[in-house]
Amino acid sequence: MEETSIIISGFGGQGTLFAGQVLAYAAMDNGYEVTWIPSYGPEMRGGTAHCTVIISETLIGSPLVRYPDIVLALNLPSVDKYEPLMPENGVLIANSSLVNREFERQEIRTLLLPANQIAEDIGMSRLANMVMTGSMVKMEPILTMEMIKAALEEHIPERHRETLSMNYKALERGYAFAEKELG
């Protein structure tokens, strides 16, 4: 891995920014160079929210990403926006709970997973972001599951500490879903 750019995009309140923070912390805690840039739409909860994470073994020249290597799209507007911008062999993972169409591009690696449904099955609908993150670890293992779990353990806000085991479970379910779908 020279440099990998990741965009996590969805509605405000879906945990897109937190998922990006977890990836950034996991990379930083393991000696990688990292940028994390949040972006909010007109209102936080219910508006658009996305973040850009760049993970690199060398210094990062620019924190801006025009053509993301990996996109975690938690809603349909995110798929519509980023699918056309991805480079060949990029990874696009979409939340089929909120995306009601197939992917248009054949030359990128894709996965539709019911992140909201899996999160609800675990018992916490807010964990769709971690389900998506777990599937990313399987599809593009730039970070390991152990690195991400350690970052959660180290950096989860105190007020959410009791959800740590459920976050782990969401990561594992996302990983398992990707493993089953992709063989």
N, C-alpha and C. Protein backbone atom coordinates (compact mmCIF):
# COMPACT_ATOMS: atom_id res chain seq x y z
N MET A 1 0.85 -1.19 0.00
CA MET A 1 0.00 0.00 0.00
C MET A 1 0.89 1.24 0.00
N GLU A 2 0.84 1.99 -1.05
CA GLU A 2 1.54 3.28 -1.09
C GLU A 2 0.66 4.32 -0.39
N GLU A 3 -0.51 4.59 -0.98
CA GLU A 3 -1.45 5.55 -0.40
C GLU A 3 -2.85 5.11 -0.81
N THR A 4 -3.77 5.10 0.15
CA THR A 4 -5.15 4.70 -0.12
C THR A 4 -6.09 5.79 0.37
N SER A 5 -7.01 6.20 -0.50
CA SER A 5 -8.00 7.21 -0.11
C SER A 5 -9.35 6.55 0.08
N ILE A 6 -10.02 6.93 1.15
CA ILE A 6 -11.31 6.34 1.52
C ILE A 6 -12.30 7.48 1.74
N ILE A 7 -13.49 7.34 1.17
CA ILE A 7 -14.57 8.27 1.48
C ILE A 7 -15.70 7.47 2.09
N ILE A 8 -16.18 7.95 3.23
CA ILE A 8 -17.34 7.35 3.90
C ILE A 8 -18.43 8.40 3.83
N SER A 9 -19.56 8.04 3.22
CA SER A 9 -20.57 9.04 2.92
C SER A 9 -21.97 8.53 3.23
N GLY A 10 -22.81 9.42 3.73
CA GLY A 10 -24.20 9.07 4.04
C GLY A 10 -24.95 10.27 4.56
N PHE A 11 -26.03 9.99 5.27
CA PHE A 11 -26.80 11.05 5.92
C PHE A 11 -26.15 11.36 7.26
N GLY A 12 -26.33 12.59 7.74
CA GLY A 12 -25.88 12.92 9.08
C GLY A 12 -26.57 12.01 10.09
N GLY A 13 -25.83 11.58 11.11
CA GLY A 13 -26.39 10.70 12.11
C GLY A 13 -26.13 9.23 11.84
N GLN A 14 -25.55 8.89 10.67
CA GLN A 14 -25.27 7.49 10.35
C GLN A 14 -23.88 7.05 10.83
N GLY A 15 -23.13 7.94 11.42
CA GLY A 15 -21.82 7.58 11.94
C GLY A 15 -20.71 7.58 10.91
N THR A 16 -20.90 8.30 9.81
CA THR A 16 -19.87 8.33 8.78
C THR A 16 -18.58 8.94 9.31
N LEU A 17 -18.70 10.02 10.06
CA LEU A 17 -17.50 10.70 10.57
C LEU A 17 -16.78 9.85 11.60
N PHE A 18 -17.55 9.18 12.46
CA PHE A 18 -16.95 8.32 13.47
C PHE A 18 -16.22 7.14 12.82
N ALA A 19 -16.83 6.53 11.81
CA ALA A 19 -16.17 5.41 11.12
C ALA A 19 -14.84 5.88 10.53
N GLY A 20 -14.82 7.08 9.96
CA GLY A 20 -13.58 7.63 9.43
C GLY A 20 -12.55 7.86 10.51
N GLN A 21 -13.01 8.35 11.65
CA GLN A 21 -12.09 8.58 12.78
C GLN A 21 -11.46 7.27 13.24
N VAL A 22 -12.27 6.23 13.31
CA VAL A 22 -11.76 4.93 13.75
C VAL A 22 -10.68 4.44 12.79
N LEU A 23 -10.93 4.56 11.48
CA LEU A 23 -9.92 4.15 10.50
C LEU A 23 -8.66 5.00 10.64
N ALA A 24 -8.84 6.30 10.82
CA ALA A 24 -7.69 7.19 10.96
C ALA A 24 -6.87 6.85 12.21
N TYR A 25 -7.56 6.63 13.32
CA TYR A 25 -6.85 6.26 14.56
C TYR A 25 -6.12 4.92 14.40
N ALA A 26 -6.80 3.95 13.78
CA ALA A 26 -6.19 2.63 13.59
C ALA A 26 -4.91 2.76 12.77
N ALA A 27 -4.95 3.55 11.72
CA ALA A 27 -3.77 3.74 10.87
C ALA A 27 -2.68 4.50 11.63
N MET A 28 -3.08 5.58 12.29
CA MET A 28 -2.12 6.42 13.01
C MET A 28 -1.44 5.63 14.14
N ASP A 29 -2.25 4.86 14.88
CA ASP A 29 -1.71 4.07 15.99
C ASP A 29 -0.73 3.00 15.51
N ASN A 30 -0.77 2.69 14.21
CA ASN A 30 0.12 1.67 13.66
C ASN A 30 1.20 2.25 12.75
N GLY A 31 1.45 3.57 12.91
CA GLY A 31 2.60 4.18 12.28
C GLY A 31 2.40 4.71 10.86
N TYR A 32 1.17 4.69 10.37
CA TYR A 32 0.92 5.24 9.03
C TYR A 32 0.73 6.74 9.09
N GLU A 33 0.95 7.39 7.96
CA GLU A 33 0.59 8.80 7.80
C GLU A 33 -0.90 8.83 7.51
N VAL A 34 -1.61 9.84 8.05
CA VAL A 34 -3.07 9.86 7.96
C VAL A 34 -3.59 11.29 7.80
N THR A 35 -4.66 11.42 6.99
CA THR A 35 -5.47 12.64 7.06
C THR A 35 -6.91 12.20 7.26
N TRP A 36 -7.66 13.03 7.96
CA TRP A 36 -9.10 12.80 8.18
C TRP A 36 -9.78 14.15 8.04
N ILE A 37 -10.67 14.27 7.07
CA ILE A 37 -11.37 15.54 6.86
C ILE A 37 -12.87 15.30 6.87
N PRO A 38 -13.56 15.86 7.87
CA PRO A 38 -15.03 15.73 7.91
C PRO A 38 -15.69 16.79 7.03
N SER A 39 -16.89 16.49 6.58
CA SER A 39 -17.66 17.46 5.81
C SER A 39 -19.13 17.27 6.13
N TYR A 40 -19.79 18.36 6.48
CA TYR A 40 -21.21 18.31 6.84
C TYR A 40 -22.03 19.01 5.78
N GLY A 41 -23.25 18.52 5.59
CA GLY A 41 -24.20 19.20 4.71
C GLY A 41 -24.89 20.31 5.48
N PRO A 42 -26.05 20.76 5.01
CA PRO A 42 -26.74 21.90 5.61
C PRO A 42 -27.10 21.70 7.08
N GLU A 43 -27.45 20.49 7.45
CA GLU A 43 -27.69 20.23 8.87
C GLU A 43 -27.03 18.90 9.18
N MET A 44 -26.63 18.72 10.41
CA MET A 44 -25.89 17.49 10.72
C MET A 44 -26.77 16.27 10.66
N ARG A 45 -27.78 16.18 11.49
CA ARG A 45 -28.60 14.98 11.52
C ARG A 45 -29.63 15.04 10.40
N GLY A 46 -29.52 14.12 9.46
CA GLY A 46 -30.46 14.08 8.35
C GLY A 46 -29.93 14.74 7.08
N GLY A 47 -28.98 15.67 7.21
CA GLY A 47 -28.36 16.26 6.03
C GLY A 47 -27.27 15.31 5.53
N THR A 48 -26.46 15.77 4.62
CA THR A 48 -25.39 14.90 4.14
C THR A 48 -24.18 15.04 5.04
N ALA A 49 -23.45 13.96 5.16
CA ALA A 49 -22.21 13.98 5.93
C ALA A 49 -21.26 12.99 5.27
N HIS A 50 -20.03 13.39 5.13
CA HIS A 50 -19.04 12.44 4.66
C HIS A 50 -17.68 12.84 5.21
N CYS A 51 -16.76 11.90 5.14
CA CYS A 51 -15.40 12.23 5.52
C CYS A 51 -14.45 11.54 4.57
N THR A 52 -13.30 12.12 4.48
CA THR A 52 -12.23 11.60 3.64
C THR A 52 -11.09 11.18 4.55
N VAL A 53 -10.61 9.97 4.33
CA VAL A 53 -9.46 9.45 5.08
C VAL A 53 -8.42 9.03 4.06
N ILE A 54 -7.20 9.47 4.27
CA ILE A 54 -6.09 8.99 3.44
C ILE A 54 -5.11 8.30 4.38
N ILE A 55 -4.71 7.10 3.99
CA ILE A 55 -3.75 6.31 4.76
C ILE A 55 -2.57 6.05 3.84
N SER A 56 -1.37 6.34 4.35
CA SER A 56 -0.19 6.21 3.50
C SER A 56 1.02 5.76 4.31
N GLU A 57 1.94 5.10 3.61
CA GLU A 57 3.21 4.73 4.23
C GLU A 57 4.20 5.88 4.17
N THR A 58 3.92 6.86 3.31
CA THR A 58 4.81 8.01 3.15
C THR A 58 4.02 9.29 3.40
N LEU A 59 4.69 10.43 3.40
CA LEU A 59 4.01 11.70 3.60
C LEU A 59 2.90 11.89 2.57
N ILE A 60 1.80 12.48 3.00
CA ILE A 60 0.64 12.70 2.14
C ILE A 60 0.76 14.10 1.54
N GLY A 61 0.75 14.15 0.21
CA GLY A 61 0.95 15.42 -0.48
C GLY A 61 -0.23 16.35 -0.37
N SER A 62 -1.45 15.81 -0.44
CA SER A 62 -2.65 16.64 -0.37
C SER A 62 -3.76 15.85 0.30
N PRO A 63 -4.52 16.50 1.18
CA PRO A 63 -5.61 15.79 1.84
C PRO A 63 -6.88 15.72 0.98
N LEU A 64 -6.86 16.32 -0.19
CA LEU A 64 -8.04 16.34 -1.04
C LEU A 64 -8.09 15.10 -1.92
N VAL A 65 -9.29 14.56 -2.12
CA VAL A 65 -9.45 13.35 -2.92
C VAL A 65 -10.53 13.60 -3.96
N ARG A 66 -10.15 13.46 -5.21
CA ARG A 66 -11.11 13.61 -6.29
C ARG A 66 -11.63 12.24 -6.74
N TYR A 67 -10.73 11.24 -6.75
CA TYR A 67 -11.06 9.90 -7.24
C TYR A 67 -10.73 8.88 -6.15
N PRO A 68 -11.68 8.62 -5.24
CA PRO A 68 -11.39 7.77 -4.09
C PRO A 68 -11.16 6.30 -4.46
N ASP A 69 -10.18 5.69 -3.78
CA ASP A 69 -9.89 4.27 -3.98
C ASP A 69 -10.98 3.39 -3.39
N ILE A 70 -11.52 3.82 -2.26
CA ILE A 70 -12.56 3.05 -1.54
C ILE A 70 -13.68 4.00 -1.17
N VAL A 71 -14.92 3.57 -1.37
CA VAL A 71 -16.08 4.35 -0.93
C VAL A 71 -17.00 3.44 -0.14
N LEU A 72 -17.35 3.90 1.07
CA LEU A 72 -18.40 3.26 1.86
C LEU A 72 -19.60 4.18 1.74
N ALA A 73 -20.60 3.74 0.98
CA ALA A 73 -21.78 4.57 0.70
C ALA A 73 -22.95 4.06 1.53
N LEU A 74 -23.32 4.85 2.53
CA LEU A 74 -24.40 4.42 3.41
C LEU A 74 -25.79 4.76 2.88
N ASN A 75 -25.86 5.49 1.75
CA ASN A 75 -27.16 5.82 1.16
C ASN A 75 -27.03 5.95 -0.35
N LEU A 76 -28.17 6.05 -1.03
CA LEU A 76 -28.18 6.11 -2.50
C LEU A 76 -27.51 7.36 -3.06
N PRO A 77 -27.75 8.56 -2.51
CA PRO A 77 -27.06 9.74 -3.06
C PRO A 77 -25.54 9.59 -3.05
N SER A 78 -25.00 8.86 -2.08
CA SER A 78 -23.56 8.64 -2.01
C SER A 78 -23.08 7.74 -3.14
N VAL A 79 -23.85 6.70 -3.46
CA VAL A 79 -23.49 5.83 -4.59
C VAL A 79 -23.55 6.64 -5.88
N ASP A 80 -24.62 7.40 -6.04
CA ASP A 80 -24.79 8.21 -7.26
C ASP A 80 -23.63 9.19 -7.44
N LYS A 81 -23.16 9.76 -6.35
CA LYS A 81 -22.10 10.77 -6.42
C LYS A 81 -20.73 10.16 -6.69
N TYR A 82 -20.39 9.07 -6.00
CA TYR A 82 -19.01 8.58 -6.04
C TYR A 82 -18.75 7.44 -7.02
N GLU A 83 -19.76 6.66 -7.38
CA GLU A 83 -19.51 5.56 -8.31
C GLU A 83 -18.83 6.02 -9.61
N PRO A 84 -19.28 7.13 -10.22
CA PRO A 84 -18.63 7.57 -11.47
C PRO A 84 -17.19 8.06 -11.29
N LEU A 85 -16.80 8.41 -10.07
CA LEU A 85 -15.49 9.00 -9.83
C LEU A 85 -14.40 8.00 -9.48
N MET A 86 -14.78 6.76 -9.27
CA MET A 86 -13.81 5.78 -8.77
C MET A 86 -12.88 5.27 -9.86
N PRO A 87 -11.60 5.04 -9.50
CA PRO A 87 -10.67 4.48 -10.47
C PRO A 87 -10.96 3.00 -10.71
N GLU A 88 -10.48 2.48 -11.82
CA GLU A 88 -10.61 1.06 -12.10
C GLU A 88 -10.03 0.27 -10.93
N ASN A 89 -10.72 -0.79 -10.56
CA ASN A 89 -10.35 -1.65 -9.43
C ASN A 89 -10.60 -1.03 -8.07
N GLY A 90 -11.24 0.15 -8.02
CA GLY A 90 -11.62 0.74 -6.75
C GLY A 90 -12.64 -0.17 -6.04
N VAL A 91 -12.88 0.10 -4.77
CA VAL A 91 -13.81 -0.69 -3.98
C VAL A 91 -14.99 0.18 -3.58
N LEU A 92 -16.19 -0.24 -3.99
CA LEU A 92 -17.42 0.48 -3.63
C LEU A 92 -18.32 -0.46 -2.85
N ILE A 93 -18.54 -0.12 -1.59
CA ILE A 93 -19.41 -0.90 -0.72
C ILE A 93 -20.62 -0.04 -0.41
N ALA A 94 -21.82 -0.56 -0.69
CA ALA A 94 -23.03 0.22 -0.49
C ALA A 94 -23.99 -0.50 0.44
N ASN A 95 -24.71 0.30 1.20
CA ASN A 95 -25.70 -0.18 2.16
C ASN A 95 -27.00 -0.49 1.42
N SER A 96 -27.22 -1.76 1.12
CA SER A 96 -28.41 -2.13 0.34
C SER A 96 -29.71 -1.89 1.11
N SER A 97 -29.62 -1.62 2.40
CA SER A 97 -30.82 -1.25 3.16
C SER A 97 -31.38 0.08 2.65
N LEU A 98 -30.51 0.94 2.09
CA LEU A 98 -30.93 2.25 1.61
C LEU A 98 -30.58 2.51 0.14
N VAL A 99 -30.00 1.53 -0.52
CA VAL A 99 -29.64 1.67 -1.94
C VAL A 99 -30.47 0.67 -2.73
N ASN A 100 -31.33 1.20 -3.59
CA ASN A 100 -32.30 0.33 -4.28
C ASN A 100 -31.95 0.11 -5.75
N ARG A 101 -30.66 0.05 -6.05
CA ARG A 101 -30.28 -0.20 -7.44
C ARG A 101 -28.96 -0.97 -7.47
N GLU A 102 -28.72 -1.60 -8.61
CA GLU A 102 -27.45 -2.29 -8.82
C GLU A 102 -26.38 -1.27 -9.18
N PHE A 103 -25.15 -1.69 -9.12
CA PHE A 103 -24.05 -0.82 -9.54
C PHE A 103 -24.01 -0.76 -11.06
N GLU A 104 -23.54 0.35 -11.59
CA GLU A 104 -23.47 0.52 -13.04
C GLU A 104 -22.11 0.11 -13.60
N ARG A 105 -21.06 0.27 -12.83
CA ARG A 105 -19.71 0.02 -13.35
C ARG A 105 -19.27 -1.41 -13.07
N GLN A 106 -18.66 -2.01 -14.07
CA GLN A 106 -18.18 -3.39 -13.96
C GLN A 106 -16.71 -3.48 -13.58
N GLU A 107 -15.95 -2.40 -13.82
CA GLU A 107 -14.50 -2.46 -13.63
C GLU A 107 -14.06 -2.03 -12.23
N ILE A 108 -15.02 -1.89 -11.32
CA ILE A 108 -14.68 -1.66 -9.92
C ILE A 108 -15.18 -2.85 -9.12
N ARG A 109 -14.61 -3.05 -7.95
CA ARG A 109 -15.03 -4.15 -7.08
C ARG A 109 -16.16 -3.62 -6.18
N THR A 110 -17.25 -4.35 -6.14
CA THR A 110 -18.44 -3.84 -5.45
C THR A 110 -19.02 -4.87 -4.49
N LEU A 111 -19.75 -4.34 -3.52
CA LEU A 111 -20.48 -5.17 -2.58
C LEU A 111 -21.71 -4.40 -2.12
N LEU A 112 -22.86 -5.04 -2.23
CA LEU A 112 -24.10 -4.51 -1.63
C LEU A 112 -24.34 -5.32 -0.36
N LEU A 113 -24.40 -4.65 0.79
CA LEU A 113 -24.70 -5.39 2.01
C LEU A 113 -25.75 -4.65 2.81
N PRO A 114 -26.66 -5.40 3.43
CA PRO A 114 -27.75 -4.79 4.19
C PRO A 114 -27.28 -4.32 5.57
N ALA A 115 -26.49 -3.26 5.58
CA ALA A 115 -25.84 -2.80 6.82
C ALA A 115 -26.85 -2.44 7.91
N ASN A 116 -27.93 -1.74 7.54
CA ASN A 116 -28.93 -1.38 8.56
C ASN A 116 -29.56 -2.63 9.16
N GLN A 117 -29.89 -3.59 8.30
CA GLN A 117 -30.53 -4.83 8.77
C GLN A 117 -29.60 -5.61 9.69
N ILE A 118 -28.34 -5.72 9.30
CA ILE A 118 -27.37 -6.44 10.13
C ILE A 118 -27.22 -5.73 11.47
N ALA A 119 -27.13 -4.41 11.45
CA ALA A 119 -27.01 -3.63 12.70
C ALA A 119 -28.24 -3.82 13.59
N GLU A 120 -29.42 -3.82 12.98
CA GLU A 120 -30.64 -4.03 13.76
C GLU A 120 -30.67 -5.44 14.35
N ASP A 121 -30.18 -6.43 13.60
CA ASP A 121 -30.12 -7.80 14.12
C ASP A 121 -29.20 -7.90 15.33
N ILE A 122 -28.16 -7.08 15.34
CA ILE A 122 -27.24 -7.05 16.49
C ILE A 122 -27.92 -6.37 17.68
N GLY A 123 -28.85 -5.47 17.39
CA GLY A 123 -29.57 -4.79 18.46
C GLY A 123 -29.30 -3.31 18.57
N MET A 124 -28.58 -2.75 17.58
CA MET A 124 -28.30 -1.33 17.62
C MET A 124 -28.18 -0.80 16.18
N SER A 125 -29.22 -0.14 15.72
CA SER A 125 -29.27 0.31 14.33
C SER A 125 -28.16 1.30 13.98
N ARG A 126 -27.63 1.99 14.98
CA ARG A 126 -26.55 2.97 14.74
C ARG A 126 -25.24 2.33 14.28
N LEU A 127 -25.14 1.01 14.31
CA LEU A 127 -23.87 0.36 14.01
C LEU A 127 -23.69 -0.01 12.53
N ALA A 128 -24.55 0.48 11.66
CA ALA A 128 -24.39 0.20 10.22
C ALA A 128 -23.01 0.66 9.75
N ASN A 129 -22.51 1.75 10.32
CA ASN A 129 -21.18 2.25 9.94
C ASN A 129 -20.08 1.22 10.22
N MET A 130 -20.18 0.52 11.34
CA MET A 130 -19.16 -0.48 11.69
C MET A 130 -19.34 -1.76 10.86
N VAL A 131 -20.57 -2.07 10.49
CA VAL A 131 -20.82 -3.21 9.58
C VAL A 131 -20.11 -2.93 8.26
N MET A 132 -20.28 -1.72 7.74
CA MET A 132 -19.65 -1.32 6.48
C MET A 132 -18.11 -1.37 6.61
N THR A 133 -17.61 -0.90 7.74
CA THR A 133 -16.17 -0.89 7.97
C THR A 133 -15.61 -2.32 8.00
N GLY A 134 -16.32 -3.21 8.66
CA GLY A 134 -15.89 -4.61 8.70
C GLY A 134 -15.81 -5.23 7.31
N SER A 135 -16.79 -4.92 6.46
CA SER A 135 -16.76 -5.46 5.10
C SER A 135 -15.58 -4.89 4.31
N MET A 136 -15.22 -3.63 4.58
CA MET A 136 -14.08 -3.03 3.91
C MET A 136 -12.78 -3.75 4.26
N VAL A 137 -12.64 -4.15 5.53
CA VAL A 137 -11.43 -4.85 5.98
C VAL A 137 -11.27 -6.15 5.18
N LYS A 138 -12.37 -6.81 4.87
CA LYS A 138 -12.30 -8.05 4.08
C LYS A 138 -11.95 -7.75 2.62
N MET A 139 -12.58 -6.72 2.05
CA MET A 139 -12.39 -6.44 0.62
C MET A 139 -11.05 -5.78 0.31
N GLU A 140 -10.56 -4.94 1.20
CA GLU A 140 -9.31 -4.20 0.96
C GLU A 140 -8.57 -4.10 2.29
N PRO A 141 -7.81 -5.13 2.64
CA PRO A 141 -7.22 -5.21 3.99
C PRO A 141 -6.00 -4.30 4.20
N ILE A 142 -6.22 -3.00 4.06
CA ILE A 142 -5.13 -2.06 4.35
C ILE A 142 -4.88 -1.96 5.85
N LEU A 143 -5.93 -2.22 6.63
CA LEU A 143 -5.83 -2.30 8.08
C LEU A 143 -6.42 -3.65 8.48
N THR A 144 -5.95 -4.21 9.58
CA THR A 144 -6.50 -5.48 10.05
C THR A 144 -7.66 -5.24 11.01
N MET A 145 -8.43 -6.27 11.23
CA MET A 145 -9.52 -6.21 12.20
C MET A 145 -8.97 -5.90 13.59
N GLU A 146 -7.82 -6.46 13.91
CA GLU A 146 -7.21 -6.23 15.23
C GLU A 146 -6.86 -4.75 15.40
N MET A 147 -6.34 -4.13 14.34
CA MET A 147 -5.99 -2.70 14.39
C MET A 147 -7.24 -1.85 14.65
N ILE A 148 -8.33 -2.18 13.96
CA ILE A 148 -9.55 -1.39 14.10
C ILE A 148 -10.18 -1.60 15.48
N LYS A 149 -10.18 -2.82 15.95
CA LYS A 149 -10.73 -3.09 17.29
C LYS A 149 -9.90 -2.37 18.36
N ALA A 150 -8.59 -2.38 18.21
CA ALA A 150 -7.72 -1.69 19.16
C ALA A 150 -7.98 -0.18 19.14
N ALA A 151 -8.20 0.37 17.95
CA ALA A 151 -8.50 1.81 17.84
C ALA A 151 -9.83 2.13 18.51
N LEU A 152 -10.82 1.27 18.33
CA LEU A 152 -12.11 1.48 19.00
C LEU A 152 -11.91 1.46 20.52
N GLU A 153 -11.22 0.44 21.01
CA GLU A 153 -10.96 0.28 22.44
C GLU A 153 -10.28 1.53 23.01
N GLU A 154 -9.32 2.04 22.25
CA GLU A 154 -8.51 3.17 22.72
C GLU A 154 -9.24 4.51 22.61
N HIS A 155 -10.08 4.67 21.58
CA HIS A 155 -10.58 6.01 21.26
C HIS A 155 -12.09 6.19 21.35
N ILE A 156 -12.84 5.15 21.65
CA ILE A 156 -14.29 5.33 21.73
C ILE A 156 -14.61 6.29 22.88
N PRO A 157 -15.52 7.22 22.65
CA PRO A 157 -15.84 8.16 23.73
C PRO A 157 -16.38 7.42 24.97
N GLU A 158 -16.04 7.93 26.12
CA GLU A 158 -16.42 7.30 27.39
C GLU A 158 -17.93 7.04 27.46
N ARG A 159 -18.72 7.98 26.95
CA ARG A 159 -20.18 7.84 27.03
C ARG A 159 -20.72 6.69 26.18
N HIS A 160 -19.89 6.17 25.25
CA HIS A 160 -20.32 5.04 24.39
C HIS A 160 -19.56 3.76 24.70
N ARG A 161 -18.80 3.78 25.80
CA ARG A 161 -17.95 2.64 26.14
C ARG A 161 -18.74 1.34 26.25
N GLU A 162 -19.97 1.40 26.72
CA GLU A 162 -20.76 0.18 26.90
C GLU A 162 -21.16 -0.47 25.57
N THR A 163 -20.96 0.25 24.47
CA THR A 163 -21.30 -0.32 23.15
C THR A 163 -20.11 -0.99 22.46
N LEU A 164 -18.98 -1.04 23.14
CA LEU A 164 -17.76 -1.56 22.53
C LEU A 164 -17.94 -2.98 21.97
N SER A 165 -18.50 -3.88 22.76
CA SER A 165 -18.66 -5.27 22.29
C SER A 165 -19.62 -5.34 21.10
N MET A 166 -20.62 -4.48 21.07
CA MET A 166 -21.55 -4.46 19.94
C MET A 166 -20.85 -3.90 18.69
N ASN A 167 -19.96 -2.93 18.87
CA ASN A 167 -19.16 -2.43 17.75
C ASN A 167 -18.30 -3.55 17.17
N TYR A 168 -17.68 -4.32 18.04
CA TYR A 168 -16.87 -5.46 17.59
C TYR A 168 -17.72 -6.44 16.78
N LYS A 169 -18.90 -6.73 17.32
CA LYS A 169 -19.80 -7.67 16.65
C LYS A 169 -20.20 -7.15 15.27
N ALA A 170 -20.48 -5.84 15.18
CA ALA A 170 -20.85 -5.24 13.89
C ALA A 170 -19.71 -5.36 12.88
N LEU A 171 -18.49 -5.09 13.32
CA LEU A 171 -17.32 -5.25 12.45
C LEU A 171 -17.22 -6.69 11.95
N GLU A 172 -17.36 -7.63 12.87
CA GLU A 172 -17.25 -9.05 12.52
C GLU A 172 -18.35 -9.49 11.57
N ARG A 173 -19.57 -9.01 11.78
CA ARG A 173 -20.68 -9.39 10.88
C ARG A 173 -20.48 -8.82 9.48
N GLY A 174 -19.99 -7.58 9.38
CA GLY A 174 -19.70 -6.99 8.08
C GLY A 174 -18.61 -7.78 7.35
N TYR A 175 -17.58 -8.16 8.08
CA TYR A 175 -16.49 -8.94 7.52
C TYR A 175 -17.02 -10.29 7.02
N ALA A 176 -17.81 -10.96 7.86
CA ALA A 176 -18.36 -12.28 7.52
C ALA A 176 -19.28 -12.20 6.30
N PHE A 177 -20.07 -11.13 6.21
CA PHE A 177 -20.97 -10.97 5.06
C PHE A 177 -20.15 -10.84 3.78
N ALA A 178 -19.11 -10.01 3.81
CA ALA A 178 -18.26 -9.83 2.63
C ALA A 178 -17.56 -11.14 2.26
N GLU A 179 -17.11 -11.85 3.27
CA GLU A 179 -16.42 -13.13 3.03
C GLU A 179 -17.36 -14.13 2.34
N LYS A 180 -18.59 -14.19 2.81
CA LYS A 180 -19.58 -15.12 2.25
C LYS A 180 -19.97 -14.72 0.82
N GLU A 181 -20.19 -13.42 0.61
CA GLU A 181 -20.61 -12.94 -0.73
C GLU A 181 -19.52 -13.04 -1.77
N LEU A 182 -18.29 -12.79 -1.37
CA LEU A 182 -17.19 -12.71 -2.32
C LEU A 182 -16.36 -13.99 -2.42
N GLY A 183 -16.65 -14.92 -1.52
CA GLY A 183 -15.94 -16.20 -1.56
C GLY A 183 -14.55 -16.17 -1.03
